[in-house]
Amino acid sequence: MFMRVDKLQAELPAPKAKDPNAAAALQELLGGKYGEMSTLGNYMFQSFNFRSKSKLRPFYSLVASITAEELGHVELVSNGVAMLNNGPDSDDGDATDGGDISGAPFEDMKDVRLAAAFLAQGGGSVPGNSQGASWNMDFITTTGNVVTDLLHNFHLECGARLHKLRVYETLSDPTGREVCGYLLVRGSVHAHAYALALKKITGVEIEKMLPTPNINLSKIPECQKYLDEGSHRRLYRFSPDDYKEMAGIWSNDEAALPGDPPGALEVVDGLPEGGKIHQLTGVPSAFTPDYAPEEMFEIANKLYAKSR
């Protein structure tokens, strides 16, 4: 089972302006070949299909706990996409109805890269890449062979790192860059974890291939606070009681990667402290949540009061 908490894994700064094309670029980190839907899908189905779980508990626990984190990564990128598509909140953006829509108030949206993000999703996110192609199950590898699957996961995290670096280089807005900075640190953790797992089985020191691509996170300003707080040395269990066995792989006998702040690796009970979820203001002229939402707000307010 999965536990859900109404927070993001990291705090995202508000966007400086509406930027649908930046949102489209960030979609690559959601629904691209190496995006968060792919890392989630691979680890989730590998954990579901894992053979001899009780006898290989440290390896199963590692894949299962990273699966839970990847669910949060999908949520983080999705929020970043929606924030860039919608721009800064307006204090009274949903205080009136949609007004006169005959003047084509969204005429410029027909020329953005992913017009469907507005036309079909109202500025939201979906599992597709930067060109609007749907994410699909062909991006999932679950062979049942532990070494093959772990090796694929190592490749997937290295590919995702390259992916994020390239997307980062296209963005200037702080929202998208913060998403990239956080995920670059956490993706480095996952690549390191899978490398250590493979070393425990095969004896091959695959972690010596990291970082791939060979650029230290210290060169990326948005990574710094996560490195300073030690996020690059932590794996979270995302569970009250389960998956403790992965400490046999991600253990304090191992150290942070060269080039990152030094220190022993640690398994952390529970989940990250996280940050608030950005409250997207409604846009009545775009029918989000509706053209005239006052009655809906009134009903919700009464239901909220009743719940208390």
Protein backbone atom coordinates (compact mmCIF):
# COMPACT_ATOMS: atom_id res chain seq x y z
CA MET A 1 0.00 0.00 0.00
CA PHE A 2 1.06 3.58 -0.51
CA MET A 3 0.76 6.35 2.06
CA ARG A 4 -0.08 9.84 0.78
CA VAL A 5 0.80 13.15 2.46
CA ASP A 6 -0.58 16.47 1.22
CA LYS A 7 2.84 18.03 0.61
CA LEU A 8 5.49 18.07 -2.09
CA GLN A 9 8.87 16.48 -1.49
CA ALA A 10 10.50 19.89 -1.96
CA GLU A 11 9.41 23.52 -1.71
CA LEU A 12 8.96 25.11 -5.15
CA PRO A 13 9.27 28.88 -5.58
CA ALA A 14 6.41 30.63 -7.37
CA PRO A 15 7.02 31.25 -11.09
CA LYS A 16 8.00 34.76 -12.12
CA ALA A 17 5.59 34.69 -15.08
CA LYS A 18 3.37 32.38 -17.08
CA ASP A 19 5.63 30.39 -19.40
CA PRO A 20 3.85 27.53 -21.23
CA ASN A 21 6.91 26.77 -23.34
CA ALA A 22 9.03 26.30 -20.22
CA ALA A 23 6.28 24.05 -18.88
CA ALA A 24 6.48 22.04 -22.09
CA ALA A 25 10.23 21.57 -21.62
CA LEU A 26 9.64 20.41 -18.04
CA GLN A 27 7.10 17.86 -19.36
CA GLU A 28 10.10 15.94 -20.69
CA LEU A 29 11.03 15.16 -17.07
CA LEU A 30 7.55 13.80 -16.52
CA GLY A 31 6.65 11.77 -19.60
CA GLY A 32 9.88 11.48 -21.57
CA LYS A 33 11.78 8.23 -22.05
CA TYR A 34 13.91 8.95 -18.97
CA GLY A 35 11.23 10.92 -17.11
CA GLU A 36 9.70 10.32 -13.70
CA MET A 37 6.86 8.23 -15.14
CA SER A 38 9.53 5.85 -16.46
CA THR A 39 11.50 5.59 -13.23
CA LEU A 40 8.24 5.09 -11.30
CA GLY A 41 6.92 2.52 -13.77
CA ASN A 42 10.13 0.50 -13.86
CA TYR A 43 10.66 0.30 -10.11
CA MET A 44 6.99 -0.16 -9.29
CA PHE A 45 6.45 -3.14 -11.58
CA GLN A 46 9.83 -4.63 -10.71
CA SER A 47 8.80 -4.46 -7.03
CA PHE A 48 5.42 -6.03 -7.80
CA ASN A 49 7.06 -8.82 -9.82
CA PHE A 50 10.10 -9.36 -7.58
CA ARG A 51 10.89 -13.09 -7.09
CA SER A 52 12.07 -14.59 -3.79
CA LYS A 53 11.28 -11.41 -1.88
CA SER A 54 11.85 -12.95 1.54
CA LYS A 55 15.26 -14.37 0.59
CA LEU A 56 16.40 -11.22 -1.25
CA ARG A 57 14.82 -8.74 1.14
CA PRO A 58 17.55 -6.01 1.04
CA PHE A 59 17.30 -5.75 -2.76
CA TYR A 60 13.52 -5.89 -2.79
CA SER A 61 13.31 -3.26 -0.04
CA LEU A 62 15.60 -0.94 -1.99
CA VAL A 63 13.52 -1.08 -5.16
CA ALA A 64 10.24 -0.83 -3.24
CA SER A 65 11.24 2.23 -1.20
CA ILE A 66 12.61 4.08 -4.23
CA THR A 67 9.29 3.34 -5.95
CA ALA A 68 7.50 5.34 -3.25
CA GLU A 69 9.87 8.27 -3.72
CA GLU A 70 9.31 8.23 -7.47
CA LEU A 71 5.56 8.68 -6.92
CA GLY A 72 6.46 11.93 -5.18
CA HIS A 73 8.76 12.91 -8.04
CA VAL A 74 5.88 12.52 -10.50
CA GLU A 75 3.84 14.79 -8.24
CA LEU A 76 6.66 17.35 -7.96
CA VAL A 77 7.23 17.65 -11.71
CA SER A 78 3.48 17.75 -12.37
CA ASN A 79 3.12 20.67 -9.98
CA GLY A 80 6.05 22.46 -11.58
CA VAL A 81 4.47 22.07 -15.02
CA ALA A 82 1.11 23.38 -13.81
CA MET A 83 2.74 26.33 -12.03
CA LEU A 84 4.66 27.39 -15.15
CA ASN A 85 1.57 26.98 -17.33
CA ASN A 86 -0.53 29.14 -15.00
CA GLY A 87 1.97 31.72 -13.76
CA PRO A 88 1.88 33.59 -10.44
CA ASP A 89 -1.34 33.40 -8.47
CA SER A 90 -3.69 36.35 -8.40
CA ASP A 91 -5.28 37.18 -5.05
CA ASP A 92 -8.70 37.64 -6.65
CA GLY A 93 -8.29 35.65 -9.85
CA ASP A 94 -11.35 33.52 -9.17
CA ALA A 95 -13.44 36.21 -7.43
CA THR A 96 -15.68 36.91 -10.43
CA ASP A 97 -17.19 34.96 -13.30
CA GLY A 98 -15.49 34.43 -16.64
CA GLY A 99 -16.69 37.70 -18.14
CA ASP A 100 -16.97 38.27 -21.90
CA ILE A 101 -15.05 35.47 -23.61
CA SER A 102 -15.88 36.65 -27.15
CA GLY A 103 -12.69 38.71 -27.37
CA ALA A 104 -10.42 35.62 -27.61
CA PRO A 105 -8.71 36.20 -24.25
CA PHE A 106 -6.37 33.26 -24.81
CA GLU A 107 -5.50 33.90 -28.46
CA ASP A 108 -1.77 33.57 -27.80
CA MET A 109 -2.19 30.01 -26.50
CA LYS A 110 -2.74 28.62 -29.99
CA ASP A 111 0.90 29.37 -30.82
CA VAL A 112 2.60 27.77 -27.81
CA ARG A 113 4.48 24.49 -28.19
CA LEU A 114 1.91 22.33 -26.36
CA ALA A 115 -1.42 24.05 -27.00
CA ALA A 116 -3.20 20.99 -25.61
CA ALA A 117 -1.85 21.82 -22.16
CA PHE A 118 -4.33 24.71 -22.18
CA LEU A 119 -6.99 23.47 -24.60
CA ALA A 120 -7.43 20.01 -23.09
CA GLN A 121 -5.87 20.20 -19.62
CA GLY A 122 -6.57 23.78 -18.53
CA GLY A 123 -2.87 24.35 -17.86
CA GLY A 124 -2.37 21.05 -16.07
CA SER A 125 0.11 18.25 -16.60
CA VAL A 126 -0.26 14.81 -18.17
CA PRO A 127 2.12 11.86 -18.73
CA GLY A 128 3.59 13.04 -22.03
CA ASN A 129 6.92 14.44 -23.19
CA SER A 130 7.97 17.92 -24.33
CA GLN A 131 6.44 17.37 -27.77
CA GLY A 132 3.13 15.98 -26.52
CA ALA A 133 3.88 12.32 -27.26
CA SER A 134 2.29 10.03 -24.68
CA TRP A 135 4.38 8.12 -22.19
CA ASN A 136 3.98 4.39 -22.78
CA MET A 137 4.70 1.02 -21.23
CA ASP A 138 7.48 0.27 -23.72
CA PHE A 139 9.69 2.36 -21.42
CA ILE A 140 9.37 -0.29 -18.68
CA THR A 141 11.85 -3.12 -18.16
CA THR A 142 10.94 -5.83 -15.66
CA THR A 143 12.74 -9.07 -16.55
CA GLY A 144 12.59 -10.90 -13.22
CA ASN A 145 16.38 -11.20 -13.26
CA VAL A 146 17.73 -9.14 -10.37
CA VAL A 147 21.07 -8.16 -11.91
CA THR A 148 19.53 -7.26 -15.27
CA ASP A 149 16.83 -5.15 -13.66
CA LEU A 150 19.25 -3.37 -11.32
CA LEU A 151 21.63 -2.70 -14.20
CA HIS A 152 18.74 -1.28 -16.22
CA ASN A 153 17.79 0.92 -13.27
CA PHE A 154 21.36 2.23 -13.03
CA HIS A 155 21.25 3.08 -16.73
CA LEU A 156 17.83 4.69 -16.31
CA GLU A 157 19.04 6.97 -13.50
CA CYS A 158 22.13 7.99 -15.48
CA GLY A 159 19.95 8.70 -18.51
CA ALA A 160 17.57 10.69 -16.32
CA ARG A 161 20.49 12.76 -15.00
CA LEU A 162 21.49 13.64 -18.57
CA HIS A 163 17.84 14.41 -19.29
CA LYS A 164 17.55 16.78 -16.32
CA LEU A 165 20.80 18.56 -17.09
CA ARG A 166 19.67 19.32 -20.63
CA VAL A 167 16.24 20.52 -19.50
CA TYR A 168 17.90 22.64 -16.80
CA GLU A 169 19.98 24.37 -19.47
CA THR A 170 16.81 25.45 -21.30
CA LEU A 171 15.13 27.05 -18.27
CA SER A 172 15.57 30.36 -16.49
CA ASP A 173 12.42 30.51 -14.33
CA PRO A 174 13.10 29.54 -10.68
CA THR A 175 10.23 27.04 -10.54
CA GLY A 176 11.56 24.77 -13.27
CA ARG A 177 15.16 25.13 -12.11
CA GLU A 178 14.24 24.15 -8.56
CA VAL A 179 12.52 21.02 -9.84
CA CYS A 180 15.67 20.12 -11.77
CA GLY A 181 18.02 20.91 -8.87
CA TYR A 182 16.14 18.73 -6.40
CA LEU A 183 15.73 15.83 -8.82
CA LEU A 184 19.39 15.93 -9.84
CA VAL A 185 20.39 15.37 -6.21
CA ARG A 186 17.83 12.65 -5.57
CA GLY A 187 18.52 10.94 -8.90
CA SER A 188 22.20 10.82 -7.97
CA VAL A 189 21.18 9.01 -4.77
CA HIS A 190 19.21 6.42 -6.71
CA ALA A 191 21.98 5.80 -9.23
CA HIS A 192 24.41 5.40 -6.34
CA ALA A 193 22.04 3.00 -4.56
CA TYR A 194 21.60 0.75 -7.59
CA ALA A 195 25.37 0.78 -8.16
CA LEU A 196 25.98 -0.35 -4.58
CA ALA A 197 23.35 -3.07 -4.92
CA LEU A 198 25.08 -4.40 -8.01
CA LYS A 199 28.43 -4.28 -6.22
CA LYS A 200 27.05 -6.36 -3.35
CA ILE A 201 25.94 -9.06 -5.82
CA THR A 202 28.73 -9.00 -8.41
CA GLY A 203 31.72 -7.37 -6.74
CA VAL A 204 31.97 -4.86 -9.59
CA GLU A 205 32.51 -1.31 -8.32
CA ILE A 206 29.95 0.29 -10.62
CA GLU A 207 29.71 3.39 -8.41
CA LYS A 208 33.11 4.40 -9.82
CA MET A 209 31.26 5.26 -13.05
CA LEU A 210 29.43 8.07 -11.24
CA PRO A 211 28.64 10.83 -11.84
CA THR A 212 27.43 10.17 -15.37
CA PRO A 213 27.48 12.64 -17.15
CA ASN A 214 30.70 13.71 -15.45
CA ILE A 215 29.65 17.06 -13.98
CA ASN A 216 29.53 17.65 -10.24
CA LEU A 217 26.32 18.91 -8.64
CA SER A 218 28.37 21.70 -7.02
CA LYS A 219 28.23 23.47 -10.40
CA ILE A 220 24.42 23.76 -10.19
CA PRO A 221 23.26 26.48 -7.73
CA GLU A 222 19.82 24.93 -7.20
CA CYS A 223 21.44 21.74 -5.89
CA GLN A 224 23.43 23.45 -3.14
CA LYS A 225 20.92 23.56 -0.29
CA TYR A 226 20.09 19.89 -0.81
CA LEU A 227 23.78 18.98 -0.74
CA ASP A 228 24.34 21.15 2.35
CA GLU A 229 21.55 19.38 4.26
CA GLY A 230 22.91 15.95 3.27
CA SER A 231 20.13 14.87 0.92
CA HIS A 232 22.73 13.21 -1.33
CA ARG A 233 23.51 10.74 1.50
CA ARG A 234 19.94 9.80 2.46
CA LEU A 235 17.47 7.15 1.40
CA TYR A 236 13.95 7.36 2.82
CA ARG A 237 11.81 4.33 3.67
CA PHE A 238 8.46 6.12 3.09
CA SER A 239 6.96 3.65 5.53
CA PRO A 240 6.35 3.49 9.29
CA ASP A 241 7.78 -0.02 9.68
CA ASP A 242 8.86 -1.62 6.41
CA TYR A 243 11.88 -1.72 4.08
CA LYS A 244 14.51 -1.38 6.84
CA GLU A 245 16.53 -4.15 5.19
CA MET A 246 17.87 -1.81 2.50
CA ALA A 247 20.27 -0.49 5.16
CA GLY A 248 22.40 -3.51 4.31
CA ILE A 249 23.05 -1.92 0.92
CA TRP A 250 22.76 1.82 1.65
CA SER A 251 24.81 1.60 4.83
CA ASN A 252 27.09 3.86 6.85
CA ASP A 253 29.96 1.64 5.77
CA GLU A 254 29.67 3.44 2.44
CA ALA A 255 30.39 7.12 1.81
CA ALA A 256 29.08 9.92 -0.38
CA LEU A 257 30.32 10.05 -3.95
CA PRO A 258 33.57 11.93 -4.65
CA GLY A 259 32.82 15.55 -5.51
CA ASP A 260 29.81 15.68 -3.17
CA PRO A 261 30.05 16.84 0.46
CA PRO A 262 31.60 13.96 2.43
CA GLY A 263 29.79 11.80 4.96
CA ALA A 264 28.37 8.36 5.62
CA LEU A 265 25.22 7.09 3.91
CA GLU A 266 22.07 6.76 6.01
CA VAL A 267 18.60 5.27 5.78
CA VAL A 268 16.01 7.69 7.19
CA ASP A 269 12.79 6.52 8.78
CA GLY A 270 9.64 7.90 7.18
CA LEU A 271 9.79 10.58 4.51
CA PRO A 272 11.34 13.99 3.77
CA GLU A 273 10.03 17.07 5.55
CA GLY A 274 8.81 18.39 2.20
CA GLY A 275 7.11 21.65 1.28
CA LYS A 276 3.68 23.05 0.66
CA ILE A 277 1.68 22.39 -2.48
CA HIS A 278 1.22 25.56 -4.52
CA GLN A 279 -2.41 26.69 -4.62
CA LEU A 280 -3.29 27.31 -8.27
CA THR A 281 -5.79 30.13 -8.55
CA GLY A 282 -8.90 29.39 -10.58
CA VAL A 283 -9.36 31.07 -13.96
CA PRO A 284 -13.11 31.38 -14.59
CA SER A 285 -12.61 32.54 -18.19
CA ALA A 286 -10.82 29.22 -18.80
CA PHE A 287 -13.58 27.38 -16.88
CA THR A 288 -11.20 26.29 -14.09
CA PRO A 289 -12.81 25.29 -11.83
CA ASP A 290 -15.83 26.72 -13.70
CA TYR A 291 -17.17 29.83 -15.47
CA ALA A 292 -19.09 30.96 -12.36
CA PRO A 293 -17.70 29.02 -9.38
CA GLU A 294 -19.22 31.09 -6.53
CA GLU A 295 -21.89 28.51 -5.67
CA MET A 296 -19.31 25.74 -5.78
CA PHE A 297 -17.09 27.67 -3.35
CA GLU A 298 -20.02 28.25 -1.03
CA ILE A 299 -20.90 24.55 -0.97
CA ALA A 300 -17.28 23.58 -0.35
CA ASN A 301 -16.99 26.08 2.48
CA LYS A 302 -20.06 24.61 4.19
CA LEU A 303 -18.70 21.08 3.78
CA TYR A 304 -15.33 22.16 5.17
CA ALA A 305 -16.99 23.74 8.21
CA LYS A 306 -19.04 20.58 8.74
CA SER A 307 -15.89 18.42 8.63
CA ARG A 308 -14.50 20.40 11.54
